[in-house]
Amino acid sequence: MATMHVEVVSPERVLFSGEAVQVITRTLGGGEIAFLPGHAPFLGALNENHTRIFMADGSVVNVAVHGGFVQVNANRVSILSDLAEVSNEIDRDRARRAKETAELSLQREHNAEVATALLRAHARLNATGGMVGTSAGAH
């Protein structure tokens, strides 16, 4: 099975580095995009999203990516983000509380900072198994 080298890097550290068979992430204004081994060169800006890295053994590495860039070149996918979190490092209860707080705040008035906090909470919750068990409302 063909693989490609994948790295997820933040300023503090390399969060993930390994061989994968597919990466799905979300670009700014472009929607979800999938990369397979041999993909043409690509450079794109990322928005808040749940990125999935599919390993050859069938496992999936789930990452909450909070903006940044994705670069594909020479059978290598690099995700560079100021803030990214692998699912096992995310405090799901804290993310749920942040989501609920942001939703309540946005009901009163629109605030770009709070809207971004809501997007981050969604990315975190999706990376840790989805919105199951969260309060009713827009997801």
Protein backbone atom coordinates (compact mmCIF):
# COMPACT_ATOMS: atom_id res chain seq x y z
CA MET A 1 0.00 0.00 0.00
CA ALA A 2 1.42 3.38 -1.00
CA THR A 3 2.02 5.87 1.80
CA MET A 4 3.15 9.47 2.18
CA HIS A 5 4.97 11.24 4.96
CA VAL A 6 2.69 13.47 7.08
CA GLU A 7 3.69 16.06 9.66
CA VAL A 8 1.54 18.29 11.85
CA VAL A 9 3.69 21.04 13.31
CA SER A 10 2.99 23.90 15.72
CA PRO A 11 5.54 26.47 16.92
CA GLU A 12 6.04 24.47 20.14
CA ARG A 13 6.54 21.00 18.69
CA VAL A 14 5.85 18.34 16.10
CA LEU A 15 2.45 16.92 17.07
CA PHE A 16 2.51 14.09 14.54
CA SER A 17 5.04 12.65 12.15
CA GLY A 18 4.53 9.40 10.29
CA GLU A 19 3.49 7.52 7.19
CA ALA A 20 -0.18 7.67 6.16
CA VAL A 21 -2.39 6.62 3.28
CA GLN A 22 -4.73 9.63 3.32
CA VAL A 23 -5.20 13.04 4.96
CA ILE A 24 -8.49 14.94 5.02
CA THR A 25 -8.50 18.57 6.17
CA ARG A 26 -10.48 21.75 5.46
CA THR A 27 -9.17 24.74 3.54
CA LEU A 28 -10.29 28.31 3.98
CA GLY A 29 -13.13 28.94 1.53
CA GLY A 30 -12.52 25.65 -0.25
CA GLY A 31 -14.14 23.00 1.89
CA GLU A 32 -12.71 19.61 2.73
CA ILE A 33 -9.82 18.28 0.68
CA ALA A 34 -8.28 14.82 0.68
CA PHE A 35 -4.66 14.03 -0.07
CA LEU A 36 -3.47 10.62 -1.22
CA PRO A 37 0.05 9.43 -2.00
CA GLY A 38 1.27 11.03 -5.23
CA HIS A 39 -0.98 14.11 -4.91
CA ALA A 40 0.02 17.08 -7.05
CA PRO A 41 1.80 19.95 -5.27
CA PHE A 42 -0.64 22.05 -3.28
CA LEU A 43 -0.55 24.99 -0.86
CA GLY A 44 -3.64 26.17 1.00
CA ALA A 45 -4.75 28.12 4.04
CA LEU A 46 -6.63 26.13 6.68
CA ASN A 47 -9.56 27.12 8.83
CA GLU A 48 -10.67 25.70 12.17
CA ASN A 49 -11.25 22.02 11.46
CA HIS A 50 -11.07 18.38 12.41
CA THR A 51 -8.21 16.89 10.35
CA ARG A 52 -8.08 13.13 9.89
CA ILE A 53 -4.87 11.22 9.14
CA PHE A 54 -5.55 7.67 7.94
CA MET A 55 -2.80 5.19 8.75
CA ALA A 56 -1.94 2.04 6.75
CA ASP A 57 -3.09 -0.16 9.67
CA GLY A 58 -6.61 1.30 9.46
CA SER A 59 -6.28 3.57 12.49
CA VAL A 60 -7.05 7.27 12.30
CA VAL A 61 -5.17 10.10 13.99
CA ASN A 62 -7.65 12.90 14.77
CA VAL A 63 -6.33 16.44 15.09
CA ALA A 64 -8.08 19.72 15.88
CA VAL A 65 -6.36 22.29 13.66
CA HIS A 66 -6.97 25.95 14.39
CA GLY A 67 -5.93 27.67 11.17
CA GLY A 68 -2.58 27.56 9.45
CA PHE A 69 -1.42 26.11 6.16
CA VAL A 70 -1.18 22.76 4.38
CA GLN A 71 1.57 22.09 1.90
CA VAL A 72 1.82 19.01 -0.29
CA ASN A 73 5.00 18.30 -2.23
CA ALA A 74 7.07 15.25 -3.15
CA ASN A 75 4.76 12.73 -1.44
CA ARG A 76 4.82 14.75 1.78
CA VAL A 77 1.94 16.54 3.54
CA SER A 78 2.90 19.25 6.03
CA ILE A 79 0.30 20.95 8.22
CA LEU A 80 1.68 24.07 9.88
CA SER A 81 -0.53 25.67 12.51
CA ASP A 82 -0.08 28.15 15.34
CA LEU A 83 -2.38 25.92 17.36
CA ALA A 84 -3.23 22.25 16.80
CA GLU A 85 -4.15 19.43 19.18
CA VAL A 86 -4.13 15.67 18.81
CA SER A 87 -7.44 14.23 20.05
CA ASN A 88 -5.97 12.41 23.07
CA GLU A 89 -4.65 15.74 24.39
CA ILE A 90 -8.00 17.55 24.24
CA ASP A 91 -10.08 18.08 27.37
CA ARG A 92 -13.51 17.20 25.98
CA ASP A 93 -15.46 18.59 28.96
CA ARG A 94 -13.63 21.91 28.69
CA ALA A 95 -14.35 22.03 24.94
CA ARG A 96 -18.04 21.31 25.58
CA ARG A 97 -18.21 24.12 28.17
CA ALA A 98 -16.43 26.52 25.77
CA LYS A 99 -18.95 25.62 23.05
CA GLU A 100 -21.92 26.25 25.33
CA THR A 101 -20.49 29.54 26.62
CA ALA A 102 -19.79 30.77 23.09
CA GLU A 103 -23.27 29.80 21.88
CA LEU A 104 -24.90 31.70 24.75
CA SER A 105 -22.74 34.74 24.13
CA LEU A 106 -23.50 34.74 20.40
CA GLN A 107 -27.24 34.66 21.14
CA ARG A 108 -26.84 38.07 22.79
CA GLU A 109 -24.54 39.71 20.24
CA HIS A 110 -22.18 38.79 17.43
CA ASN A 111 -18.52 38.95 18.38
CA ALA A 112 -15.79 37.72 16.02
CA GLU A 113 -13.59 36.50 18.88
CA VAL A 114 -16.43 34.48 20.38
CA ALA A 115 -17.36 33.09 16.95
CA THR A 116 -13.76 31.89 16.56
CA ALA A 117 -13.91 30.32 20.03
CA LEU A 118 -17.04 28.43 18.94
CA LEU A 119 -15.26 27.16 15.80
CA ARG A 120 -12.34 25.98 17.93
CA ALA A 121 -14.68 24.18 20.31
CA HIS A 122 -16.38 22.45 17.36
CA ALA A 123 -13.00 21.36 15.94
CA ARG A 124 -11.97 19.99 19.35
CA LEU A 125 -15.24 18.13 19.89
CA ASN A 126 -15.22 16.69 16.37
CA ALA A 127 -11.62 15.51 16.81
CA THR A 128 -12.61 13.71 20.01
CA GLY A 129 -15.56 11.82 18.59
CA GLY A 130 -18.07 14.38 17.41
CA MET A 131 -20.80 16.41 19.00
CA VAL A 132 -22.54 13.44 20.63
CA GLY A 133 -23.56 14.33 24.13
CA THR A 134 -23.42 18.09 23.60
CA SER A 135 -26.32 20.40 24.22
CA ALA A 136 -28.97 20.86 21.56
CA GLY A 137 -28.48 23.67 19.11
CA ALA A 138 -26.49 24.52 16.03
CA HIS A 139 -23.57 22.19 15.40
